């Protein structure tokens, strides 16, 4: 297991700064997911970690050893890092076992290491098969096994599940996470899938324009975003104009308690759709059902408030009969988070309400 420390890393392509001073620590033996919009620098960061790109500034250390920076650039093959690409990139003429053992020395190939890692990824007994005899998910498992076989200090995963269907992707990513943990590997997963990052990672790193905006446990990133941009980007968000008075936000949904100490004055309040509850009787705000999106395990219900504000509620009972146009009563359960209403430089002022996701 090895800790990865990235300090002040800058990488430019001409006049474009793909990484603009990245500071990041990847804890030893944990899986860190790097999340962000297209063009934020996710893949560039992975390539710098792997040794495929030279830094323009900053440094990278693995288990305390300097591998990049200060005039030093350790070649990729000497960093003890393995990369799992988006496509498995298996050798079609080699068996599964030979693909997995390709990077091992003779002694390691004669040992039980190949079968050991195949068992870790759920492919025990399939070493004699050829790649074309495997499903897409199985081929990606072989790619992970091949990466783990030499016992690398760090495994980099470059959106390895993006080409798979949703059902297969969900199961595979959890199996891969378990395999990394069982082998004691430190992992970095680059992904654009927020659900994937939140569900499998020990730490989520949110990148924007080449900088780390937030790095924390998945629950903290979702429940305690550092700013409005992260709040909107990670998960679904309902943003409401509000006025704070003595720790309570007055919104179109009524009075909502706030998490933490917030000065009195205008703010933008964040609540998640699962906090918006449909109720019967009094004690809430009247709303009209505008949309009902059924997802099996739950449903998203679009609601219109009397003042024209539109919000979304997530209800766990996906079969609940919520007819379009019907009148319901809604309330907020739990505390909201508040953010200054003044936009950041270059950011437009928030609309009365924004449904993200």
Protein backbone atom coordinates (compact mmCIF):
# COMPACT_ATOMS: atom_id res chain seq x y z
CA UNK A 1 0.00 0.00 0.00
CA UNK A 2 1.28 3.46 -0.91
CA UNK A 3 0.13 7.00 -0.30
CA UNK A 4 0.13 9.33 -3.29
CA UNK A 5 0.74 13.04 -2.70
CA UNK A 6 0.25 15.58 -5.49
CA UNK A 7 1.52 19.07 -4.67
CA UNK A 8 0.96 22.19 -6.79
CA UNK A 9 0.90 20.25 -10.06
CA UNK A 10 0.61 22.33 -13.22
CA UNK A 11 0.33 20.87 -16.71
CA UNK A 12 -0.07 23.05 -19.77
CA UNK A 13 -0.83 22.26 -23.39
CA UNK A 14 0.24 25.39 -25.20
CA UNK A 15 -1.68 28.26 -23.61
CA UNK A 16 -4.22 25.95 -21.99
CA UNK A 17 -3.65 24.94 -18.36
CA UNK A 18 -5.14 21.45 -18.04
CA UNK A 19 -4.00 21.33 -14.40
CA UNK A 20 -3.68 24.68 -12.65
CA UNK A 21 -2.11 23.85 -9.30
CA UNK A 22 -3.55 20.55 -8.09
CA UNK A 23 -3.02 19.59 -4.44
CA UNK A 24 -4.25 16.13 -3.54
CA UNK A 25 -3.52 13.25 -1.18
CA UNK A 26 -4.64 9.73 -2.07
CA UNK A 27 -4.58 7.72 1.18
CA UNK A 28 -2.77 4.41 1.16
CA UNK A 29 -4.94 1.38 0.49
CA UNK A 30 -8.03 3.43 -0.38
CA UNK A 31 -9.93 4.10 -3.58
CA UNK A 32 -10.15 7.77 -4.58
CA UNK A 33 -12.58 8.80 -7.33
CA UNK A 34 -11.75 11.89 -9.39
CA UNK A 35 -14.96 13.50 -10.59
CA UNK A 36 -15.61 16.53 -12.75
CA UNK A 37 -17.10 17.82 -16.01
CA UNK A 38 -15.49 17.24 -19.39
CA UNK A 39 -12.29 19.21 -19.79
CA UNK A 40 -11.68 19.67 -16.06
CA UNK A 41 -8.33 17.82 -16.11
CA UNK A 42 -9.30 14.35 -14.86
CA UNK A 43 -7.52 12.38 -17.57
CA UNK A 44 -4.53 14.72 -17.56
CA UNK A 45 -4.12 14.13 -13.83
CA UNK A 46 -4.21 10.38 -14.36
CA UNK A 47 -1.64 10.60 -17.15
CA UNK A 48 0.67 12.69 -14.95
CA UNK A 49 0.36 10.14 -12.14
CA UNK A 50 1.13 7.31 -14.56
CA UNK A 51 4.20 9.07 -15.93
CA UNK A 52 2.82 9.54 -19.44
CA UNK A 53 3.11 13.34 -19.14
CA UNK A 54 5.85 15.57 -17.75
CA UNK A 55 4.87 18.20 -15.21
CA UNK A 56 5.34 21.89 -15.88
CA UNK A 57 5.45 22.58 -12.13
CA UNK A 58 4.76 20.87 -8.82
CA UNK A 59 5.63 17.36 -7.74
CA UNK A 60 4.22 13.87 -7.24
CA UNK A 61 5.35 11.50 -4.51
CA UNK A 62 4.44 7.84 -4.11
CA UNK A 63 5.05 6.35 -0.69
CA UNK A 64 7.29 9.34 0.05
CA UNK A 65 9.49 8.88 -3.02
CA UNK A 66 9.63 11.71 -5.56
CA UNK A 67 8.58 10.41 -8.99
CA UNK A 68 7.93 13.73 -10.75
CA UNK A 69 8.91 17.33 -10.16
CA UNK A 70 12.02 19.32 -9.38
CA UNK A 71 13.65 18.25 -12.63
CA UNK A 72 12.91 14.57 -12.00
CA UNK A 73 10.63 12.46 -14.21
CA UNK A 74 10.62 8.77 -13.37
CA UNK A 75 9.54 6.80 -16.47
CA UNK A 76 6.14 5.13 -16.36
CA UNK A 77 7.59 1.59 -16.27
CA UNK A 78 9.58 2.41 -13.12
CA UNK A 79 6.75 3.90 -11.04
CA UNK A 80 5.16 0.61 -9.97
CA UNK A 81 1.82 1.89 -11.24
CA UNK A 82 -0.72 -0.03 -13.30
CA UNK A 83 -3.36 1.48 -15.58
CA UNK A 84 -6.74 0.00 -16.46
CA UNK A 85 -7.97 1.78 -19.63
CA UNK A 86 -11.54 2.40 -20.76
CA UNK A 87 -11.34 -0.63 -23.02
CA UNK A 88 -9.67 -3.75 -21.64
CA UNK A 89 -7.07 -3.75 -24.48
CA UNK A 90 -6.47 -7.47 -24.09
CA UNK A 91 -4.20 -9.40 -26.47
CA UNK A 92 -6.70 -11.31 -28.63
CA UNK A 93 -4.24 -14.13 -29.43
CA UNK A 94 -3.41 -14.86 -25.77
CA UNK A 95 -5.51 -16.78 -23.27
CA UNK A 96 -6.96 -15.09 -20.20
CA UNK A 97 -4.17 -16.50 -18.03
CA UNK A 98 -1.48 -15.38 -20.48
CA UNK A 99 -2.99 -11.89 -20.65
CA UNK A 100 -2.96 -11.63 -16.85
CA UNK A 101 0.57 -12.98 -16.57
CA UNK A 102 2.01 -10.94 -19.43
CA UNK A 103 3.77 -8.43 -17.18
CA UNK A 104 5.08 -10.99 -14.68
CA UNK A 105 8.54 -12.49 -14.58
CA UNK A 106 8.97 -16.22 -15.08
CA UNK A 107 8.99 -17.04 -11.38
CA UNK A 108 5.75 -15.15 -10.80
CA UNK A 109 4.09 -16.81 -13.81
CA UNK A 110 4.99 -20.23 -12.41
CA UNK A 111 3.46 -19.29 -9.05
CA UNK A 112 -0.24 -19.15 -8.20
CA UNK A 113 -0.41 -15.38 -8.69
CA UNK A 114 -2.38 -15.51 -11.96
CA UNK A 115 -5.09 -17.74 -10.53
CA UNK A 116 -5.05 -15.71 -7.32
CA UNK A 117 -5.93 -12.43 -9.06
CA UNK A 118 -8.45 -14.14 -11.34
CA UNK A 119 -10.19 -15.36 -8.20
CA UNK A 120 -10.09 -11.84 -6.76
CA UNK A 121 -11.99 -10.48 -9.79
CA UNK A 122 -14.46 -13.37 -9.93
CA UNK A 123 -12.96 -15.29 -12.86
CA UNK A 124 -11.61 -18.37 -11.11
CA UNK A 125 -11.18 -21.28 -13.51
CA UNK A 126 -11.44 -19.20 -16.69
CA UNK A 127 -7.73 -18.86 -17.37
CA UNK A 128 -7.80 -21.12 -20.45
CA UNK A 129 -10.45 -19.10 -22.25
CA UNK A 130 -9.70 -16.64 -25.04
CA UNK A 131 -10.78 -12.98 -24.79
CA UNK A 132 -13.42 -13.38 -27.53
CA UNK A 133 -15.11 -16.05 -25.42
CA UNK A 134 -15.77 -13.56 -22.62
CA UNK A 135 -18.44 -10.91 -22.16
CA UNK A 136 -17.49 -7.22 -22.06
CA UNK A 137 -17.70 -7.20 -18.28
CA UNK A 138 -15.51 -10.28 -18.00
CA UNK A 139 -12.92 -8.72 -20.29
CA UNK A 140 -12.76 -5.68 -18.02
CA UNK A 141 -12.27 -8.02 -15.06
CA UNK A 142 -9.32 -9.57 -16.88
CA UNK A 143 -7.87 -6.09 -17.42
CA UNK A 144 -8.15 -5.40 -13.68
CA UNK A 145 -6.56 -8.78 -12.87
CA UNK A 146 -3.69 -8.00 -15.24
CA UNK A 147 -3.17 -4.67 -13.49
CA UNK A 148 -3.16 -6.27 -10.03
CA UNK A 149 -0.92 -9.22 -10.95
CA UNK A 150 2.48 -7.48 -10.51
CA UNK A 151 1.33 -6.08 -7.11
CA UNK A 152 1.61 -2.41 -8.13
CA UNK A 153 1.73 0.33 -5.52
CA UNK A 154 -1.07 2.20 -7.29
CA UNK A 155 -3.79 1.18 -9.75
CA UNK A 156 -5.20 3.91 -12.02
CA UNK A 157 -8.63 3.25 -13.53
CA UNK A 158 -9.57 5.44 -16.49
CA UNK A 159 -13.39 5.20 -16.72
CA UNK A 160 -13.11 1.39 -17.05
CA UNK A 161 -16.87 0.77 -16.79
CA UNK A 162 -18.16 3.44 -19.19
CA UNK A 163 -18.73 1.06 -22.13
CA UNK A 164 -20.83 -1.39 -20.12
CA UNK A 165 -24.59 -1.38 -19.63
CA UNK A 166 -25.93 0.05 -16.38
CA UNK A 167 -26.78 -3.23 -14.65
CA UNK A 168 -23.43 -4.83 -15.42
CA UNK A 169 -21.53 -1.67 -14.54
CA UNK A 170 -23.02 -1.45 -11.05
CA UNK A 171 -22.03 -4.99 -10.09
CA UNK A 172 -18.59 -4.86 -11.69
CA UNK A 173 -17.46 -1.65 -10.02
CA UNK A 174 -18.22 -3.03 -6.55
CA UNK A 175 -16.38 -6.26 -7.37
CA UNK A 176 -13.39 -4.29 -8.60
CA UNK A 177 -13.39 -2.16 -5.46
CA UNK A 178 -13.43 -5.31 -3.33
CA UNK A 179 -10.57 -6.80 -5.38
CA UNK A 180 -8.45 -3.68 -4.86
CA UNK A 181 -9.07 -3.78 -1.13
CA UNK A 182 -8.36 -7.50 -0.89
CA UNK A 183 -5.04 -6.98 -2.65
CA UNK A 184 -4.17 -3.90 -0.57
CA UNK A 185 -3.83 -1.65 -3.63
CA UNK A 186 -4.20 2.12 -3.64
CA UNK A 187 -6.64 3.08 -6.39
CA UNK A 188 -7.49 6.21 -8.37
CA UNK A 189 -10.68 6.05 -10.41
CA UNK A 190 -11.35 8.72 -13.03
CA UNK A 191 -15.05 8.95 -13.80
CA UNK A 192 -17.79 11.29 -15.00
CA UNK A 193 -20.44 9.15 -13.29
CA UNK A 194 -21.44 10.81 -10.01
CA UNK A 195 -23.30 7.74 -8.74
CA UNK A 196 -20.25 5.61 -9.42
CA UNK A 197 -17.95 7.98 -7.54
CA UNK A 198 -20.27 8.29 -4.55
CA UNK A 199 -21.01 4.57 -4.26
CA UNK A 200 -17.57 2.95 -4.52
CA UNK A 201 -14.94 5.48 -3.44
CA UNK A 202 -13.47 6.10 -0.01
CA UNK A 203 -12.68 9.66 -1.11
CA UNK A 204 -14.23 11.81 -3.84
CA UNK A 205 -12.17 14.56 -5.45
CA UNK A 206 -14.11 17.14 -7.45
CA UNK A 207 -12.12 18.92 -10.15
CA UNK A 208 -13.09 22.11 -11.94
CA UNK A 209 -10.96 23.94 -14.50
CA UNK A 210 -7.83 22.11 -13.44
CA UNK A 211 -8.19 22.69 -9.71
CA UNK A 212 -9.44 20.63 -6.79
CA UNK A 213 -12.65 22.20 -5.55
CA UNK A 214 -13.37 19.65 -2.82
CA UNK A 215 -11.83 16.40 -1.60
CA UNK A 216 -13.69 14.49 1.09
CA UNK A 217 -15.63 11.34 1.90
CA UNK A 218 -18.56 10.75 -0.50
CA UNK A 219 -21.18 11.58 2.13
CA UNK A 220 -19.45 14.86 2.96
CA UNK A 221 -19.24 15.94 -0.68
CA UNK A 222 -22.96 15.24 -1.13
CA UNK A 223 -24.23 16.56 2.20
CA UNK A 224 -21.69 19.32 2.81
CA UNK A 225 -20.65 20.76 -0.57
CA UNK A 226 -18.19 23.61 -0.25
CA UNK A 227 -20.02 25.88 -2.70
CA UNK A 228 -23.05 26.13 -4.96
CA UNK A 229 -21.21 24.71 -7.96
CA UNK A 230 -20.38 21.48 -6.15
CA UNK A 231 -23.91 21.35 -4.74
CA UNK A 232 -25.37 21.48 -8.26
CA UNK A 233 -22.77 19.22 -9.87
CA UNK A 234 -22.87 16.35 -7.38
CA UNK A 235 -26.36 14.92 -7.21
CA UNK A 236 -29.76 16.53 -7.66
CA UNK A 237 -30.22 19.88 -5.97
CA UNK A 238 -33.08 22.25 -5.26
CA UNK A 239 -31.76 25.79 -4.79
CA UNK A 240 -34.10 28.31 -3.24
CA UNK A 241 -33.68 32.04 -2.60
CA UNK A 242 -33.98 32.56 1.15
CA UNK A 243 -33.59 35.07 3.94
CA UNK A 244 -31.92 33.92 7.16
CA UNK A 245 -33.32 35.09 10.46
CA UNK A 246 -31.88 33.65 13.68
CA UNK A 247 -30.69 30.41 12.11
CA UNK A 248 -33.84 29.74 10.09
CA UNK A 249 -34.20 30.21 6.33
CA UNK A 250 -37.46 31.64 5.09
CA UNK A 251 -38.14 30.08 1.67
CA UNK A 252 -40.96 29.29 -0.71
CA UNK A 253 -41.17 25.98 1.16
CA UNK A 254 -41.67 27.74 4.47
CA UNK A 255 -39.20 28.04 7.32
CA UNK A 256 -36.29 25.61 7.05
CA UNK A 257 -33.60 25.10 9.72
CA UNK A 258 -30.01 25.54 8.59
CA UNK A 259 -26.95 23.38 9.13
CA UNK A 260 -24.28 25.35 10.98
CA UNK A 261 -24.15 28.99 12.00
CA UNK A 262 -25.30 31.32 9.22
CA UNK A 263 -25.42 35.13 9.53
CA UNK A 264 -28.76 36.81 9.00
CA UNK A 265 -29.44 38.03 5.48
CA UNK A 266 -30.14 36.79 1.96
CA UNK A 267 -28.74 33.38 0.96
CA UNK A 268 -29.36 30.54 -1.47
CA UNK A 269 -30.63 27.50 0.41
CA UNK A 270 -29.82 23.97 -0.75
CA UNK A 271 -32.10 21.02 -0.08
CA UNK A 272 -31.90 17.62 -1.72
CA UNK A 273 -34.99 16.12 -3.40
CA UNK A 274 -35.18 13.34 -0.80
CA UNK A 275 -35.68 16.02 1.87
CA UNK A 276 -38.84 17.25 0.15
CA UNK A 277 -41.66 15.14 1.56
CA UNK A 278 -45.19 14.80 0.28
CA UNK A 279 -47.65 14.87 3.16
CA UNK A 280 -51.36 14.97 3.82
CA UNK A 281 -53.22 17.51 5.87
CA UNK A 282 -51.77 20.72 7.26
CA UNK A 283 -48.27 21.72 8.24
CA UNK A 284 -46.81 22.21 4.78
CA UNK A 285 -46.97 24.19 1.56
CA UNK A 286 -49.51 23.49 -1.19
CA UNK A 287 -48.05 22.25 -4.48
CA UNK A 288 -49.24 20.98 -7.85
CA UNK A 289 -47.81 17.78 -9.36
CA UNK A 290 -46.23 18.67 -12.72
CA UNK A 291 -44.15 15.56 -13.43
CA UNK A 292 -43.76 11.99 -12.24
CA UNK A 293 -40.66 10.06 -13.33
CA UNK A 294 -40.79 6.44 -12.19
CA UNK A 295 -37.41 4.73 -11.59
CA UNK A 296 -38.51 1.48 -9.98
CA UNK A 297 -36.86 1.87 -6.59
CA UNK A 298 -38.04 5.47 -6.33
CA UNK A 299 -39.61 8.27 -8.32
CA UNK A 300 -38.87 11.94 -8.95
CA UNK A 301 -41.91 14.17 -8.66
CA UNK A 302 -41.83 17.64 -10.17
CA UNK A 303 -43.86 20.15 -8.18
CA UNK A 304 -45.05 23.70 -8.71
CA UNK A 305 -45.52 26.03 -5.74
CA UNK A 306 -48.09 28.84 -5.61
CA UNK A 307 -45.47 31.54 -6.26
CA UNK A 308 -44.30 29.81 -9.45
CA UNK A 309 -41.25 28.11 -7.92
CA UNK A 310 -40.61 24.60 -9.24
CA UNK A 311 -38.98 21.92 -7.13
CA UNK A 312 -38.35 18.19 -7.22
CA UNK A 313 -39.16 15.59 -4.57
CA UNK A 314 -37.75 12.08 -4.47
CA UNK A 315 -40.21 9.55 -3.06
CA UNK A 316 -39.06 6.07 -2.10
CA UNK A 317 -42.40 4.48 -2.85
CA UNK A 318 -42.01 4.56 -6.61
CA UNK A 319 -45.42 2.95 -7.10
CA UNK A 320 -47.21 5.69 -5.17
CA UNK A 321 -50.05 7.10 -7.21
CA UNK A 322 -49.27 10.77 -7.71
CA UNK A 323 -51.48 11.96 -10.51
CA UNK A 324 -50.37 14.80 -12.75
CA UNK A 325 -52.19 17.98 -11.86
CA UNK A 326 -53.16 16.78 -8.40
CA UNK A 327 -52.73 18.96 -5.32
CA UNK A 328 -50.39 17.82 -2.57
CA UNK A 329 -48.77 19.28 0.53
CA UNK A 330 -44.99 19.38 0.81
CA UNK A 331 -42.54 20.10 3.58
CA UNK A 332 -38.77 19.94 4.07
CA UNK A 333 -37.34 17.36 6.43
CA UNK A 334 -33.97 18.06 7.98
CA UNK A 335 -31.68 21.05 7.66
CA UNK A 336 -30.74 22.97 4.54
CA UNK A 337 -27.32 24.37 3.70
CA UNK A 338 -26.93 28.03 2.92
CA UNK A 339 -24.58 29.74 0.46
CA UNK A 340 -23.93 33.42 -0.24
CA UNK A 341 -26.18 34.80 -2.94
CA UNK A 342 -23.39 36.77 -4.61
CA UNK A 343 -22.16 34.71 -7.57
CA UNK A 344 -18.52 33.80 -8.00
CA UNK A 345 -16.57 35.69 -10.71
CA UNK A 346 -17.86 34.65 -14.09
CA UNK A 347 -20.89 32.89 -12.65
CA UNK A 348 -24.39 34.21 -13.39
CA UNK A 349 -26.73 34.91 -10.52
CA UNK A 350 -28.80 31.86 -9.58
CA UNK A 351 -32.30 31.56 -10.97
CA UNK A 352 -35.19 31.41 -8.48
CA UNK A 353 -34.71 27.65 -8.39
CA UNK A 354 -32.36 25.28 -10.16
CA UNK A 355 -32.91 21.56 -10.62
CA UNK A 356 -29.53 19.97 -11.19
CA UNK A 357 -28.89 16.49 -12.47
